[in-house]
Amino acid sequence: MVDVTPKEVTHRRAIARGRVHMTPETASLVARGAISKGDVLAVARVAGIQAAKRTSDLIPLCHPLMIGGVYVNFRIGDDYIEIETQVETVDRTGVEMEALTACSVAALTIYDMCKSSDRSMTIGEIALWEKTGGRSGTYRRDPDASLGEDVLDGSFTGSNESTENGEV
């Protein structure tokens, strides 16, 4: 494990995004709260938060951190659900792995809860979109770089409330 004790304690934040592709019928069921297992997005949100908190138990050599905040938000499209996770801490090492783990586990939870309706779902485009703090400073992914300009548009509200256009 890398020794982080000489590093300065700073505020650190990381944002990860991903997508679960599904049939339009399944996306509609999720949006209407009609999946038989329950409230898909509420359960996926809790799963993502739990995953961020347990990242060091899952990823070898990942430092355990005192996480200050975890946010998990969703945007429902015609045939996908976009996930955005944000993790923050004041510590000696970054929270990129925590944000990516939260996003991945939220996506897996969506898959698990919807699989009885749609076995053809795919999980993809999970990537670090931003990180701040620490010696290396700020990183922001170019939206056109590797995922394509139409993949994730970043239009998350950060709210826990449903809106008319399918954002949660």
C-alpha atoms as a PDB file:
ATOM      1  CA  MET A   1       0.000   0.000   0.000  1.00  0.00           C
ATOM      2  CA  VAL A   2       1.296   3.462  -0.831  1.00  0.00           C
ATOM      3  CA  ASP A   3       2.278   5.506   2.229  1.00  0.00           C
ATOM      4  CA  VAL A   4       0.083   8.619   2.224  1.00  0.00           C
ATOM      5  CA  THR A   5       1.126   9.955   5.641  1.00  0.00           C
ATOM      6  CA  PRO A   6       3.442  12.630   4.155  1.00  0.00           C
ATOM      7  CA  LYS A   7       0.623  13.988   1.968  1.00  0.00           C
ATOM      8  CA  GLU A   8      -1.266  17.079   2.994  1.00  0.00           C
ATOM      9  CA  VAL A   9      -4.866  16.751   4.149  1.00  0.00           C
ATOM     10  CA  THR A  10      -7.100  18.556   1.625  1.00  0.00           C
ATOM     11  CA  HIS A  11     -10.717  18.616   0.525  1.00  0.00           C
ATOM     12  CA  ARG A  12     -11.132  16.048  -2.246  1.00  0.00           C
ATOM     13  CA  ARG A  13     -14.056  15.276  -4.521  1.00  0.00           C
ATOM     14  CA  ALA A  14     -14.635  12.829  -7.353  1.00  0.00           C
ATOM     15  CA  ILE A  15     -17.519  12.429  -9.796  1.00  0.00           C
ATOM     16  CA  ALA A  16     -18.146   9.235 -11.753  1.00  0.00           C
ATOM     17  CA  ARG A  17     -20.838   8.492 -14.312  1.00  0.00           C
ATOM     18  CA  GLY A  18     -22.178   5.392 -15.975  1.00  0.00           C
ATOM     19  CA  ARG A  19     -25.176   4.049 -17.807  1.00  0.00           C
ATOM     20  CA  VAL A  20     -27.455   1.014 -17.753  1.00  0.00           C
ATOM     21  CA  HIS A  21     -28.921   0.347 -21.203  1.00  0.00           C
ATOM     22  CA  MET A  22     -32.332  -1.341 -21.290  1.00  0.00           C
ATOM     23  CA  THR A  23     -35.451  -1.676 -23.378  1.00  0.00           C
ATOM     24  CA  PRO A  24     -37.750   1.357 -23.509  1.00  0.00           C
ATOM     25  CA  GLU A  25     -40.389  -0.729 -21.731  1.00  0.00           C
ATOM     26  CA  THR A  26     -38.062  -1.373 -18.793  1.00  0.00           C
ATOM     27  CA  ALA A  27     -37.022   2.279 -18.562  1.00  0.00           C
ATOM     28  CA  SER A  28     -40.703   3.208 -18.507  1.00  0.00           C
ATOM     29  CA  LEU A  29     -41.407   0.691 -15.725  1.00  0.00           C
ATOM     30  CA  VAL A  30     -38.586   2.175 -13.644  1.00  0.00           C
ATOM     31  CA  ALA A  31     -39.827   5.726 -14.258  1.00  0.00           C
ATOM     32  CA  ARG A  32     -43.348   4.740 -13.180  1.00  0.00           C
ATOM     33  CA  GLY A  33     -42.141   2.816 -10.117  1.00  0.00           C
ATOM     34  CA  ALA A  34     -43.693  -0.351 -11.541  1.00  0.00           C
ATOM     35  CA  ILE A  35     -40.783  -2.816 -11.185  1.00  0.00           C
ATOM     36  CA  SER A  36     -41.946  -5.758  -9.071  1.00  0.00           C
ATOM     37  CA  LYS A  37     -38.912  -5.717  -6.739  1.00  0.00           C
ATOM     38  CA  GLY A  38     -39.669  -2.166  -5.598  1.00  0.00           C
ATOM     39  CA  ASP A  39     -38.295   1.353  -5.974  1.00  0.00           C
ATOM     40  CA  VAL A  40     -35.289   0.722  -8.216  1.00  0.00           C
ATOM     41  CA  LEU A  41     -33.670   4.121  -7.903  1.00  0.00           C
ATOM     42  CA  ALA A  42     -34.079   4.370  -4.127  1.00  0.00           C
ATOM     43  CA  VAL A  43     -32.468   0.963  -3.628  1.00  0.00           C
ATOM     44  CA  ALA A  44     -29.702   1.716  -6.166  1.00  0.00           C
ATOM     45  CA  ARG A  45     -28.988   5.011  -4.375  1.00  0.00           C
ATOM     46  CA  VAL A  46     -28.548   3.256  -1.018  1.00  0.00           C
ATOM     47  CA  ALA A  47     -26.436   0.518  -2.635  1.00  0.00           C
ATOM     48  CA  GLY A  48     -24.157   3.142  -4.193  1.00  0.00           C
ATOM     49  CA  ILE A  49     -23.732   4.932  -0.872  1.00  0.00           C
ATOM     50  CA  GLN A  50     -22.932   1.657   0.911  1.00  0.00           C
ATOM     51  CA  ALA A  51     -20.450   0.715  -1.816  1.00  0.00           C
ATOM     52  CA  ALA A  52     -18.582   4.011  -1.507  1.00  0.00           C
ATOM     53  CA  LYS A  53     -18.238   3.444   2.223  1.00  0.00           C
ATOM     54  CA  ARG A  54     -16.907  -0.108   1.726  1.00  0.00           C
ATOM     55  CA  THR A  55     -14.573   0.472  -1.237  1.00  0.00           C
ATOM     56  CA  SER A  56     -11.402  -0.342   0.697  1.00  0.00           C
ATOM     57  CA  ASP A  57     -12.926  -3.746   1.582  1.00  0.00           C
ATOM     58  CA  LEU A  58     -13.433  -4.496  -2.124  1.00  0.00           C
ATOM     59  CA  ILE A  59     -10.369  -3.025  -3.836  1.00  0.00           C
ATOM     60  CA  PRO A  60      -6.988  -4.372  -2.675  1.00  0.00           C
ATOM     61  CA  LEU A  61      -4.527  -1.671  -1.568  1.00  0.00           C
ATOM     62  CA  CYS A  62      -7.243   1.013  -1.548  1.00  0.00           C
ATOM     63  CA  HIS A  63      -6.957   3.172   1.574  1.00  0.00           C
ATOM     64  CA  PRO A  64      -9.919   3.300   3.966  1.00  0.00           C
ATOM     65  CA  LEU A  65     -11.202   6.869   4.108  1.00  0.00           C
ATOM     66  CA  MET A  66     -13.464   8.933   6.317  1.00  0.00           C
ATOM     67  CA  ILE A  67     -16.038   9.877   3.686  1.00  0.00           C
ATOM     68  CA  GLY A  68     -17.789  13.180   4.248  1.00  0.00           C
ATOM     69  CA  GLY A  69     -20.552  12.807   1.655  1.00  0.00           C
ATOM     70  CA  VAL A  70     -21.859  10.540  -1.072  1.00  0.00           C
ATOM     71  CA  TYR A  71     -24.443  11.617  -3.634  1.00  0.00           C
ATOM     72  CA  VAL A  72     -26.034   9.241  -6.132  1.00  0.00           C
ATOM     73  CA  ASN A  73     -28.301  10.718  -8.806  1.00  0.00           C
ATOM     74  CA  PHE A  74     -30.086   9.316 -11.846  1.00  0.00           C
ATOM     75  CA  ARG A  75     -31.480  10.469 -15.166  1.00  0.00           C
ATOM     76  CA  ILE A  76     -33.904   8.222 -16.993  1.00  0.00           C
ATOM     77  CA  GLY A  77     -33.685   8.275 -20.782  1.00  0.00           C
ATOM     78  CA  ASP A  78     -35.807   6.464 -23.345  1.00  0.00           C
ATOM     79  CA  ASP A  79     -33.722   3.283 -23.149  1.00  0.00           C
ATOM     80  CA  TYR A  80     -31.193   3.832 -20.368  1.00  0.00           C
ATOM     81  CA  ILE A  81     -30.610   5.133 -16.878  1.00  0.00           C
ATOM     82  CA  GLU A  82     -27.622   7.402 -16.336  1.00  0.00           C
ATOM     83  CA  ILE A  83     -25.958   7.335 -12.951  1.00  0.00           C
ATOM     84  CA  GLU A  84     -23.837  10.073 -11.445  1.00  0.00           C
ATOM     85  CA  THR A  85     -22.019   9.627  -8.160  1.00  0.00           C
ATOM     86  CA  GLN A  86     -20.117  12.234  -6.196  1.00  0.00           C
ATOM     87  CA  VAL A  87     -17.945  11.454  -3.193  1.00  0.00           C
ATOM     88  CA  GLU A  88     -16.229  13.978  -0.920  1.00  0.00           C
ATOM     89  CA  THR A  89     -13.710  13.792   1.890  1.00  0.00           C
ATOM     90  CA  VAL A  90     -11.075  15.792   3.704  1.00  0.00           C
ATOM     91  CA  ASP A  91      -8.146  13.396   3.727  1.00  0.00           C
ATOM     92  CA  ARG A  92      -4.682  12.554   2.364  1.00  0.00           C
ATOM     93  CA  THR A  93      -5.809  10.557  -0.667  1.00  0.00           C
ATOM     94  CA  GLY A  94      -8.495  10.918  -3.320  1.00  0.00           C
ATOM     95  CA  VAL A  95     -11.957   9.409  -3.584  1.00  0.00           C
ATOM     96  CA  GLU A  96     -11.895   8.387  -7.253  1.00  0.00           C
ATOM     97  CA  MET A  97     -12.217   4.685  -6.446  1.00  0.00           C
ATOM     98  CA  GLU A  98     -15.109   5.370  -4.070  1.00  0.00           C
ATOM     99  CA  ALA A  99     -17.008   7.314  -6.753  1.00  0.00           C
ATOM    100  CA  LEU A 100     -16.361   4.633  -9.385  1.00  0.00           C
ATOM    101  CA  THR A 101     -17.350   1.830  -6.994  1.00  0.00           C
ATOM    102  CA  ALA A 102     -20.547   3.660  -6.009  1.00  0.00           C
ATOM    103  CA  CYS A 103     -21.459   4.116  -9.678  1.00  0.00           C
ATOM    104  CA  SER A 104     -20.700   0.481 -10.518  1.00  0.00           C
ATOM    105  CA  VAL A 105     -22.690  -0.950  -7.622  1.00  0.00           C
ATOM    106  CA  ALA A 106     -25.639   1.371  -8.309  1.00  0.00           C
ATOM    107  CA  ALA A 107     -25.622   0.100 -11.914  1.00  0.00           C
ATOM    108  CA  LEU A 108     -25.438  -3.533 -10.772  1.00  0.00           C
ATOM    109  CA  THR A 109     -28.344  -2.908  -8.398  1.00  0.00           C
ATOM    110  CA  ILE A 110     -30.459  -1.463 -11.216  1.00  0.00           C
ATOM    111  CA  TYR A 111     -29.634  -4.558 -13.274  1.00  0.00           C
ATOM    112  CA  ASP A 112     -30.536  -6.883 -10.383  1.00  0.00           C
ATOM    113  CA  MET A 113     -33.856  -5.182  -9.722  1.00  0.00           C
ATOM    114  CA  CYS A 114     -34.868  -5.050 -13.407  1.00  0.00           C
ATOM    115  CA  LYS A 115     -33.562  -8.402 -14.664  1.00  0.00           C
ATOM    116  CA  SER A 116     -36.963 -10.095 -14.448  1.00  0.00           C
ATOM    117  CA  SER A 117     -38.241  -7.532 -16.964  1.00  0.00           C
ATOM    118  CA  ASP A 118     -35.179  -7.302 -19.198  1.00  0.00           C
ATOM    119  CA  ARG A 119     -32.288  -9.787 -19.369  1.00  0.00           C
ATOM    120  CA  SER A 120     -30.728  -7.909 -22.309  1.00  0.00           C
ATOM    121  CA  MET A 121     -29.610  -4.922 -20.207  1.00  0.00           C
ATOM    122  CA  THR A 122     -25.995  -3.836 -20.449  1.00  0.00           C
ATOM    123  CA  ILE A 123     -23.876  -1.740 -18.113  1.00  0.00           C
ATOM    124  CA  GLY A 124     -21.331   0.622 -19.596  1.00  0.00           C
ATOM    125  CA  GLU A 125     -19.619   3.980 -19.914  1.00  0.00           C
ATOM    126  CA  ILE A 126     -18.496   3.962 -16.276  1.00  0.00           C
ATOM    127  CA  ALA A 127     -15.783   6.576 -16.001  1.00  0.00           C
ATOM    128  CA  LEU A 128     -14.254   9.205 -13.754  1.00  0.00           C
ATOM    129  CA  TRP A 129     -15.579  12.586 -14.907  1.00  0.00           C
ATOM    130  CA  GLU A 130     -13.988  14.917 -12.401  1.00  0.00           C
ATOM    131  CA  LYS A 131     -11.665  14.947  -9.443  1.00  0.00           C
ATOM    132  CA  THR A 132     -10.512  17.867  -7.338  1.00  0.00           C
ATOM    133  CA  GLY A 133      -8.042  18.293  -4.510  1.00  0.00           C
ATOM    134  CA  GLY A 134      -4.670  16.866  -3.749  1.00  0.00           C
ATOM    135  CA  ARG A 135      -1.254  17.477  -5.237  1.00  0.00           C
ATOM    136  CA  SER A 136      -2.285  16.674  -8.822  1.00  0.00           C
ATOM    137  CA  GLY A 137      -5.081  19.263  -8.753  1.00  0.00           C
ATOM    138  CA  THR A 138      -8.236  19.173 -10.844  1.00  0.00           C
ATOM    139  CA  TYR A 139      -9.088  16.704 -13.602  1.00  0.00           C
ATOM    140  CA  ARG A 140     -12.135  16.997 -15.840  1.00  0.00           C
ATOM    141  CA  ARG A 141     -12.922  14.475 -18.566  1.00  0.00           C
ATOM    142  CA  ASP A 142     -13.452  15.909 -22.021  1.00  0.00           C
ATOM    143  CA  PRO A 143     -17.018  14.794 -22.853  1.00  0.00           C
ATOM    144  CA  ASP A 144     -15.970  14.124 -26.462  1.00  0.00           C
ATOM    145  CA  ALA A 145     -12.798  12.211 -25.561  1.00  0.00           C
ATOM    146  CA  SER A 146     -13.482   8.499 -25.332  1.00  0.00           C
ATOM    147  CA  LEU A 147     -17.145   8.003 -24.573  1.00  0.00           C
ATOM    148  CA  GLY A 148     -18.562  10.062 -27.427  1.00  0.00           C
ATOM    149  CA  GLU A 149     -20.466  13.315 -27.259  1.00  0.00           C
ATOM    150  CA  ASP A 150     -23.876  11.640 -27.113  1.00  0.00           C
ATOM    151  CA  VAL A 151     -23.078   9.272 -24.254  1.00  0.00           C
ATOM    152  CA  LEU A 152     -23.395  11.298 -21.082  1.00  0.00           C
ATOM    153  CA  ASP A 153     -24.565  14.861 -21.271  1.00  0.00           C
ATOM    154  CA  GLY A 154     -24.165  15.725 -17.600  1.00  0.00           C
ATOM    155  CA  SER A 155     -27.675  17.067 -17.129  1.00  0.00           C
ATOM    156  CA  PHE A 156     -28.138  15.856 -13.579  1.00  0.00           C
ATOM    157  CA  THR A 157     -30.238  17.891 -11.213  1.00  0.00           C
ATOM    158  CA  GLY A 158     -28.645  16.699  -7.992  1.00  0.00           C
ATOM    159  CA  SER A 159     -32.133  16.446  -6.543  1.00  0.00           C
ATOM    160  CA  ASN A 160     -33.799  13.492  -4.921  1.00  0.00           C
ATOM    161  CA  GLU A 161     -37.175  14.533  -6.295  1.00  0.00           C
ATOM    162  CA  SER A 162     -38.766  13.225  -9.502  1.00  0.00           C
ATOM    163  CA  THR A 163     -39.367  15.750 -12.255  1.00  0.00           C
ATOM    164  CA  GLU A 164     -41.533  15.739 -15.350  1.00  0.00           C
ATOM    165  CA  ASN A 165     -38.662  14.897 -17.702  1.00  0.00           C
ATOM    166  CA  GLY A 166     -37.676  11.691 -15.894  1.00  0.00           C
ATOM    167  CA  GLU A 167     -34.840  13.103 -13.794  1.00  0.00           C
ATOM    168  CA  VAL A 168     -34.587  11.931 -10.222  1.00  0.00           C
END
